[in-house]
Amino acid sequence: MPGSAKAMAGCTVGGLVLATAYTVALGSSGWLWFAWVVLALVTLGVVTARRW
């Protein structure tokens, strides 16, 4: 996996940790989870595009 895809995957994992911490501390936010899902899908697309 190239460096940019690794960095994006790291940001996605970090975003998951932050979204989970926010949900535990302050309650669920639909927009926060929606943004994380979009980020995860974009990351998946980048990783897939880099492999082909």
PDB file of N, CA and C in Angstrom:
ATOM      1  N   MET A   1       0.856  -1.172   0.000  1.00  0.00           N
ATOM      2  CA  MET A   1       0.000   0.000   0.000  1.00  0.00           C
ATOM      3  C   MET A   1       0.904   1.238   0.000  1.00  0.00           C
ATOM      4  N   PRO A   2       0.720   2.159  -0.948  1.00  0.00           N
ATOM      5  CA  PRO A   2       1.542   3.375  -0.996  1.00  0.00           C
ATOM      6  C   PRO A   2       1.328   4.264   0.223  1.00  0.00           C
ATOM      7  N   GLY A   3       2.232   5.217   0.395  1.00  0.00           N
ATOM      8  CA  GLY A   3       2.208   6.080   1.576  1.00  0.00           C
ATOM      9  C   GLY A   3       0.920   6.865   1.742  1.00  0.00           C
ATOM     10  N   SER A   4       0.367   7.400   0.646  1.00  0.00           N
ATOM     11  CA  SER A   4      -0.849   8.204   0.770  1.00  0.00           C
ATOM     12  C   SER A   4      -2.038   7.344   1.207  1.00  0.00           C
ATOM     13  N   ALA A   5      -2.101   6.116   0.709  1.00  0.00           N
ATOM     14  CA  ALA A   5      -3.190   5.225   1.106  1.00  0.00           C
ATOM     15  C   ALA A   5      -3.039   4.812   2.569  1.00  0.00           C
ATOM     16  N   LYS A   6      -1.796   4.620   3.011  1.00  0.00           N
ATOM     17  CA  LYS A   6      -1.551   4.287   4.424  1.00  0.00           C
ATOM     18  C   LYS A   6      -1.957   5.444   5.325  1.00  0.00           C
ATOM     19  N   ALA A   7      -1.614   6.650   4.910  1.00  0.00           N
ATOM     20  CA  ALA A   7      -1.966   7.833   5.700  1.00  0.00           C
ATOM     21  C   ALA A   7      -3.477   7.981   5.779  1.00  0.00           C
ATOM     22  N   MET A   8      -4.155   7.747   4.684  1.00  0.00           N
ATOM     23  CA  MET A   8      -5.610   7.858   4.678  1.00  0.00           C
ATOM     24  C   MET A   8      -6.236   6.785   5.560  1.00  0.00           C
ATOM     25  N   ALA A   9      -5.703   5.570   5.509  1.00  0.00           N
ATOM     26  CA  ALA A   9      -6.209   4.498   6.371  1.00  0.00           C
ATOM     27  C   ALA A   9      -5.977   4.841   7.841  1.00  0.00           C
ATOM     28  N   GLY A  10      -4.828   5.428   8.142  1.00  0.00           N
ATOM     29  CA  GLY A  10      -4.549   5.852   9.513  1.00  0.00           C
ATOM     30  C   GLY A  10      -5.513   6.927   9.985  1.00  0.00           C
ATOM     31  N   CYS A  11      -5.818   7.882   9.112  1.00  0.00           N
ATOM     32  CA  CYS A  11      -6.798   8.928   9.454  1.00  0.00           C
ATOM     33  C   CYS A  11      -8.185   8.332   9.674  1.00  0.00           C
ATOM     34  N   THR A  12      -8.535   7.330   8.881  1.00  0.00           N
ATOM     35  CA  THR A  12      -9.838   6.690   9.029  1.00  0.00           C
ATOM     36  C   THR A  12      -9.937   5.975  10.373  1.00  0.00           C
ATOM     37  N   VAL A  13      -8.890   5.257  10.740  1.00  0.00           N
ATOM     38  CA  VAL A  13      -8.880   4.568  12.032  1.00  0.00           C
ATOM     39  C   VAL A  13      -8.908   5.588  13.174  1.00  0.00           C
ATOM     40  N   GLY A  14      -8.119   6.651  13.029  1.00  0.00           N
ATOM     41  CA  GLY A  14      -8.126   7.713  14.034  1.00  0.00           C
ATOM     42  C   GLY A  14      -9.493   8.363  14.150  1.00  0.00           C
ATOM     43  N   GLY A  15     -10.152   8.565  13.014  1.00  0.00           N
ATOM     44  CA  GLY A  15     -11.502   9.127  13.023  1.00  0.00           C
ATOM     45  C   GLY A  15     -12.490   8.214  13.724  1.00  0.00           C
ATOM     46  N   LEU A  16     -12.325   6.915  13.538  1.00  0.00           N
ATOM     47  CA  LEU A  16     -13.199   5.962  14.228  1.00  0.00           C
ATOM     48  C   LEU A  16     -13.009   6.056  15.737  1.00  0.00           C
ATOM     49  N   VAL A  17     -11.764   6.157  16.164  1.00  0.00           N
ATOM     50  CA  VAL A  17     -11.475   6.279  17.591  1.00  0.00           C
ATOM     51  C   VAL A  17     -12.096   7.566  18.149  1.00  0.00           C
ATOM     52  N   LEU A  18     -11.921   8.675  17.422  1.00  0.00           N
ATOM     53  CA  LEU A  18     -12.482   9.947  17.877  1.00  0.00           C
ATOM     54  C   LEU A  18     -14.009   9.925  17.889  1.00  0.00           C
ATOM     55  N   ALA A  19     -14.619   9.349  16.862  1.00  0.00           N
ATOM     56  CA  ALA A  19     -16.082   9.281  16.808  1.00  0.00           C
ATOM     57  C   ALA A  19     -16.622   8.427  17.953  1.00  0.00           C
ATOM     58  N   THR A  20     -15.933   7.334  18.250  1.00  0.00           N
ATOM     59  CA  THR A  20     -16.347   6.475  19.362  1.00  0.00           C
ATOM     60  C   THR A  20     -16.195   7.202  20.686  1.00  0.00           C
ATOM     61  N   ALA A  21     -15.086   7.900  20.873  1.00  0.00           N
ATOM     62  CA  ALA A  21     -14.865   8.652  22.117  1.00  0.00           C
ATOM     63  C   ALA A  21     -15.912   9.746  22.277  1.00  0.00           C
ATOM     64  N   TYR A  22     -16.230  10.443  21.201  1.00  0.00           N
ATOM     65  CA  TYR A  22     -17.248  11.495  21.246  1.00  0.00           C
ATOM     66  C   TYR A  22     -18.599  10.905  21.624  1.00  0.00           C
ATOM     67  N   THR A  23     -18.934   9.758  21.016  1.00  0.00           N
ATOM     68  CA  THR A  23     -20.217   9.117  21.299  1.00  0.00           C
ATOM     69  C   THR A  23     -20.308   8.686  22.764  1.00  0.00           C
ATOM     70  N   VAL A  24     -19.231   8.153  23.298  1.00  0.00           N
ATOM     71  CA  VAL A  24     -19.212   7.716  24.691  1.00  0.00           C
ATOM     72  C   VAL A  24     -19.334   8.925  25.623  1.00  0.00           C
ATOM     73  N   ALA A  25     -18.617   9.997  25.310  1.00  0.00           N
ATOM     74  CA  ALA A  25     -18.582  11.156  26.207  1.00  0.00           C
ATOM     75  C   ALA A  25     -19.824  12.033  26.108  1.00  0.00           C
ATOM     76  N   LEU A  26     -20.299  12.296  24.893  1.00  0.00           N
ATOM     77  CA  LEU A  26     -21.358  13.294  24.706  1.00  0.00           C
ATOM     78  C   LEU A  26     -22.637  12.764  24.080  1.00  0.00           C
ATOM     79  N   GLY A  27     -22.632  11.527  23.665  1.00  0.00           N
ATOM     80  CA  GLY A  27     -23.824  10.971  23.023  1.00  0.00           C
ATOM     81  C   GLY A  27     -23.633  10.908  21.515  1.00  0.00           C
ATOM     82  N   SER A  28     -24.471  10.161  20.891  1.00  0.00           N
ATOM     83  CA  SER A  28     -24.333   9.895  19.471  1.00  0.00           C
ATOM     84  C   SER A  28     -24.660  11.120  18.621  1.00  0.00           C
ATOM     85  N   SER A  29     -23.929  11.250  17.531  1.00  0.00           N
ATOM     86  CA  SER A  29     -24.175  12.301  16.553  1.00  0.00           C
ATOM     87  C   SER A  29     -24.267  11.642  15.185  1.00  0.00           C
ATOM     88  N   GLY A  30     -25.440  11.708  14.591  1.00  0.00           N
ATOM     89  CA  GLY A  30     -25.651  11.075  13.294  1.00  0.00           C
ATOM     90  C   GLY A  30     -24.731  11.630  12.215  1.00  0.00           C
ATOM     91  N   TRP A  31     -24.523  12.952  12.210  1.00  0.00           N
ATOM     92  CA  TRP A  31     -23.657  13.565  11.209  1.00  0.00           C
ATOM     93  C   TRP A  31     -22.221  13.124  11.368  1.00  0.00           C
ATOM     94  N   LEU A  32     -21.781  12.944  12.597  1.00  0.00           N
ATOM     95  CA  LEU A  32     -20.410  12.489  12.841  1.00  0.00           C
ATOM     96  C   LEU A  32     -20.207  11.097  12.267  1.00  0.00           C
ATOM     97  N   TRP A  33     -21.142  10.208  12.524  1.00  0.00           N
ATOM     98  CA  TRP A  33     -21.017   8.845  12.007  1.00  0.00           C
ATOM     99  C   TRP A  33     -21.185   8.800  10.496  1.00  0.00           C
ATOM    100  N   PHE A  34     -22.055   9.653   9.961  1.00  0.00           N
ATOM    101  CA  PHE A  34     -22.205   9.746   8.505  1.00  0.00           C
ATOM    102  C   PHE A  34     -20.891  10.179   7.870  1.00  0.00           C
ATOM    103  N   ALA A  35     -20.239  11.192   8.452  1.00  0.00           N
ATOM    104  CA  ALA A  35     -18.958  11.671   7.927  1.00  0.00           C
ATOM    105  C   ALA A  35     -17.900  10.572   8.001  1.00  0.00           C
ATOM    106  N   TRP A  36     -17.904   9.788   9.088  1.00  0.00           N
ATOM    107  CA  TRP A  36     -16.918   8.734   9.205  1.00  0.00           C
ATOM    108  C   TRP A  36     -17.161   7.639   8.154  1.00  0.00           C
ATOM    109  N   VAL A  37     -18.408   7.296   7.909  1.00  0.00           N
ATOM    110  CA  VAL A  37     -18.726   6.287   6.887  1.00  0.00           C
ATOM    111  C   VAL A  37     -18.276   6.765   5.510  1.00  0.00           C
ATOM    112  N   VAL A  38     -18.514   8.040   5.209  1.00  0.00           N
ATOM    113  CA  VAL A  38     -18.056   8.591   3.931  1.00  0.00           C
ATOM    114  C   VAL A  38     -16.534   8.514   3.840  1.00  0.00           C
ATOM    115  N   LEU A  39     -15.835   8.888   4.906  1.00  0.00           N
ATOM    116  CA  LEU A  39     -14.374   8.801   4.933  1.00  0.00           C
ATOM    117  C   LEU A  39     -13.906   7.364   4.729  1.00  0.00           C
ATOM    118  N   ALA A  40     -14.566   6.422   5.382  1.00  0.00           N
ATOM    119  CA  ALA A  40     -14.193   5.011   5.241  1.00  0.00           C
ATOM    120  C   ALA A  40     -14.405   4.531   3.802  1.00  0.00           C
ATOM    121  N   LEU A  41     -15.491   4.944   3.176  1.00  0.00           N
ATOM    122  CA  LEU A  41     -15.745   4.532   1.796  1.00  0.00           C
ATOM    123  C   LEU A  41     -14.736   5.144   0.835  1.00  0.00           C
ATOM    124  N   VAL A  42     -14.378   6.403   1.052  1.00  0.00           N
ATOM    125  CA  VAL A  42     -13.363   7.040   0.213  1.00  0.00           C
ATOM    126  C   VAL A  42     -12.022   6.340   0.396  1.00  0.00           C
ATOM    127  N   THR A  43     -11.684   6.013   1.627  1.00  0.00           N
ATOM    128  CA  THR A  43     -10.434   5.294   1.896  1.00  0.00           C
ATOM    129  C   THR A  43     -10.435   3.941   1.195  1.00  0.00           C
ATOM    130  N   LEU A  44     -11.538   3.234   1.284  1.00  0.00           N
ATOM    131  CA  LEU A  44     -11.651   1.942   0.604  1.00  0.00           C
ATOM    132  C   LEU A  44     -11.471   2.111  -0.903  1.00  0.00           C
ATOM    133  N   GLY A  45     -12.065   3.157  -1.459  1.00  0.00           N
ATOM    134  CA  GLY A  45     -11.900   3.426  -2.885  1.00  0.00           C
ATOM    135  C   GLY A  45     -10.456   3.723  -3.262  1.00  0.00           C
ATOM    136  N   VAL A  46      -9.761   4.510  -2.441  1.00  0.00           N
ATOM    137  CA  VAL A  46      -8.365   4.839  -2.717  1.00  0.00           C
ATOM    138  C   VAL A  46      -7.495   3.591  -2.642  1.00  0.00           C
ATOM    139  N   VAL A  47      -7.703   2.783  -1.606  1.00  0.00           N
ATOM    140  CA  VAL A  47      -6.916   1.557  -1.458  1.00  0.00           C
ATOM    141  C   VAL A  47      -7.178   0.616  -2.640  1.00  0.00           C
ATOM    142  N   THR A  48      -8.430   0.491  -3.029  1.00  0.00           N
ATOM    143  CA  THR A  48      -8.779  -0.380  -4.161  1.00  0.00           C
ATOM    144  C   THR A  48      -8.165   0.154  -5.461  1.00  0.00           C
ATOM    145  N   ALA A  49      -8.238   1.455  -5.669  1.00  0.00           N
ATOM    146  CA  ALA A  49      -7.686   2.043  -6.893  1.00  0.00           C
ATOM    147  C   ALA A  49      -6.171   1.864  -6.949  1.00  0.00           C
ATOM    148  N   ARG A  50      -5.495   1.957  -5.812  1.00  0.00           N
ATOM    149  CA  ARG A  50      -4.047   1.809  -5.780  1.00  0.00           C
ATOM    150  C   ARG A  50      -3.614   0.366  -6.050  1.00  0.00           C
ATOM    151  N   ARG A  51      -4.471  -0.583  -5.719  1.00  0.00           N
ATOM    152  CA  ARG A  51      -4.118  -1.995  -5.920  1.00  0.00           C
ATOM    153  C   ARG A  51      -4.259  -2.400  -7.384  1.00  0.00           C
ATOM    154  N   TRP A  52      -5.139  -1.742  -8.125  1.00  0.00           N
ATOM    155  CA  TRP A  52      -5.367  -2.092  -9.518  1.00  0.00           C
ATOM    156  C   TRP A  52      -4.511  -1.222 -10.339  1.00  0.00           C
TER     157      TRP A  52
END
